[in-house]
Amino acid sequence: MKSFNRSDRIGQQIKRELADMIQRGDLKDDRIGGLVTITHVDVSGDLRNVKVFFSVFGEESQKIGTLAALHDATGFLRGEICRRLGIRSAPEMIFKLDDSLEEGQRITELLDKISRNEI
């Protein structure tokens, strides 16, 4: 059985709060488009660095725009995370686009075509 350490718990809380901020529209940036999902948050052991992986269902321009908007809003997001979680120091945040969900969908479509003998 896996035991969760503090960085895992903080990571789950950050994931939940970031998803909430994006869904509620706290980031008032027109570049955020498509369906944005926070897929994973990786927190360092000392809680100083956070990698946020997200996916965007939409066009390539929406993905690039969302990445730029999140990058530009990093200061705001760090402050909000600090305030909402009640932690003393705001962790450095790096946002990375995660295409694994779309890749999985593409593989599923290919497997369906193979099963129907279309390929």
Protein backbone atom coordinates (compact mmCIF):
# COMPACT_ATOMS: atom_id res chain seq x y z
CA MET A 1 0.00 0.00 0.00
CA LYS A 2 1.36 3.39 -0.99
CA SER A 3 1.77 5.98 1.72
CA PHE A 4 1.30 9.59 0.74
CA ASN A 5 3.86 12.09 1.88
CA ARG A 6 3.34 15.81 2.27
CA SER A 7 4.45 16.69 -1.28
CA ASP A 8 1.86 14.27 -2.71
CA ARG A 9 -0.92 15.79 -0.60
CA ILE A 10 0.13 19.33 -1.53
CA GLY A 11 0.27 18.27 -5.19
CA GLN A 12 -3.31 16.99 -5.07
CA GLN A 13 -4.47 20.21 -3.41
CA ILE A 14 -2.65 22.35 -6.00
CA LYS A 15 -4.19 20.29 -8.81
CA ARG A 16 -7.68 20.76 -7.36
CA GLU A 17 -7.24 24.51 -6.77
CA LEU A 18 -5.75 25.20 -10.22
CA ALA A 19 -8.57 23.26 -11.89
CA ASP A 20 -11.07 25.28 -9.87
CA MET A 21 -9.48 28.60 -10.82
CA ILE A 22 -9.45 27.72 -14.52
CA GLN A 23 -13.01 26.35 -14.49
CA ARG A 24 -14.46 29.33 -12.62
CA GLY A 25 -12.72 31.78 -14.92
CA ASP A 26 -10.48 33.41 -12.32
CA LEU A 27 -7.92 33.84 -15.10
CA LYS A 28 -9.43 36.48 -17.28
CA ASP A 29 -7.38 35.73 -20.38
CA ASP A 30 -8.92 35.23 -23.81
CA ARG A 31 -6.06 32.97 -24.84
CA ILE A 32 -7.36 30.16 -22.62
CA GLY A 33 -9.46 28.11 -24.98
CA GLY A 34 -10.81 24.63 -25.46
CA LEU A 35 -11.36 22.20 -22.63
CA VAL A 36 -8.45 22.61 -20.19
CA THR A 37 -7.70 19.77 -17.78
CA ILE A 38 -4.97 19.62 -15.15
CA THR A 39 -3.68 16.07 -15.62
CA HIS A 40 -0.84 15.86 -13.10
CA VAL A 41 1.06 17.98 -10.61
CA ASP A 42 4.59 17.01 -9.61
CA VAL A 43 5.85 18.67 -6.41
CA SER A 44 9.48 18.50 -5.32
CA GLY A 45 10.27 17.10 -1.90
CA ASP A 46 11.13 20.53 -0.49
CA LEU A 47 7.84 22.00 -1.87
CA ARG A 48 9.72 24.76 -3.71
CA ASN A 49 9.14 23.60 -7.29
CA VAL A 50 5.96 22.44 -8.99
CA LYS A 51 5.49 21.07 -12.50
CA VAL A 52 1.90 21.34 -13.68
CA PHE A 53 0.90 19.12 -16.60
CA PHE A 54 -2.27 20.08 -18.43
CA SER A 55 -4.11 19.07 -21.57
CA VAL A 56 -6.26 21.11 -23.93
CA PHE A 57 -8.88 19.56 -26.16
CA GLY A 58 -8.99 21.96 -29.04
CA GLU A 59 -6.96 23.34 -31.88
CA GLU A 60 -3.19 23.79 -31.79
CA SER A 61 -3.59 27.57 -31.49
CA GLN A 62 -5.71 27.08 -28.35
CA LYS A 63 -3.02 24.87 -26.83
CA ILE A 64 -0.30 27.43 -27.50
CA GLY A 65 -2.50 30.28 -26.24
CA THR A 66 -3.39 28.43 -23.06
CA LEU A 67 0.26 27.65 -22.35
CA ALA A 68 1.19 31.31 -22.86
CA ALA A 69 -1.71 32.50 -20.66
CA LEU A 70 -0.78 30.13 -17.83
CA HIS A 71 2.87 31.15 -18.11
CA ASP A 72 1.93 34.84 -17.93
CA ALA A 73 -0.39 34.25 -14.96
CA THR A 74 2.20 32.30 -12.94
CA GLY A 75 2.65 35.09 -10.38
CA PHE A 76 -1.09 35.37 -9.77
CA LEU A 77 -1.47 31.59 -9.55
CA ARG A 78 1.42 31.25 -7.09
CA GLY A 79 -0.12 33.88 -4.82
CA GLU A 80 -3.57 32.30 -4.98
CA ILE A 81 -2.19 28.82 -4.24
CA CYS A 82 -0.32 30.23 -1.26
CA ARG A 83 -3.43 31.96 0.04
CA ARG A 84 -5.81 29.06 -0.56
CA LEU A 85 -3.57 26.36 0.90
CA GLY A 86 -2.21 28.49 3.73
CA ILE A 87 1.41 27.77 2.93
CA ARG A 88 4.17 30.21 3.75
CA SER A 89 6.20 30.32 0.57
CA ALA A 90 4.84 30.15 -2.95
CA PRO A 91 6.41 27.37 -5.02
CA GLU A 92 7.92 28.08 -8.42
CA MET A 93 5.55 26.79 -11.11
CA ILE A 94 6.35 25.39 -14.52
CA PHE A 95 3.50 24.57 -16.90
CA LYS A 96 3.89 21.76 -19.43
CA LEU A 97 1.47 20.72 -22.14
CA ASP A 98 0.44 17.05 -21.82
CA ASP A 99 -0.70 15.44 -25.07
CA SER A 100 -1.07 11.94 -23.62
CA LEU A 101 -4.89 12.05 -23.61
CA GLU A 102 -5.07 12.97 -27.29
CA GLU A 103 -2.42 10.40 -28.11
CA GLY A 104 -4.46 7.75 -26.31
CA GLN A 105 -7.55 8.77 -28.26
CA ARG A 106 -5.62 8.51 -31.54
CA ILE A 107 -4.35 5.03 -30.63
CA THR A 108 -7.88 3.92 -29.72
CA GLU A 109 -9.15 5.12 -33.10
CA LEU A 110 -6.37 3.23 -34.88
CA LEU A 111 -7.16 0.05 -32.95
CA ASP A 112 -10.85 0.42 -33.86
CA LYS A 113 -9.91 0.75 -37.55
CA ILE A 114 -7.71 -2.34 -37.30
CA SER A 115 -10.54 -4.34 -35.69
CA ARG A 116 -12.89 -3.28 -38.54
CA ASN A 117 -10.19 -4.26 -41.10
CA GLU A 118 -10.04 -0.71 -42.47
CA ILE A 119 -6.25 -0.63 -42.29
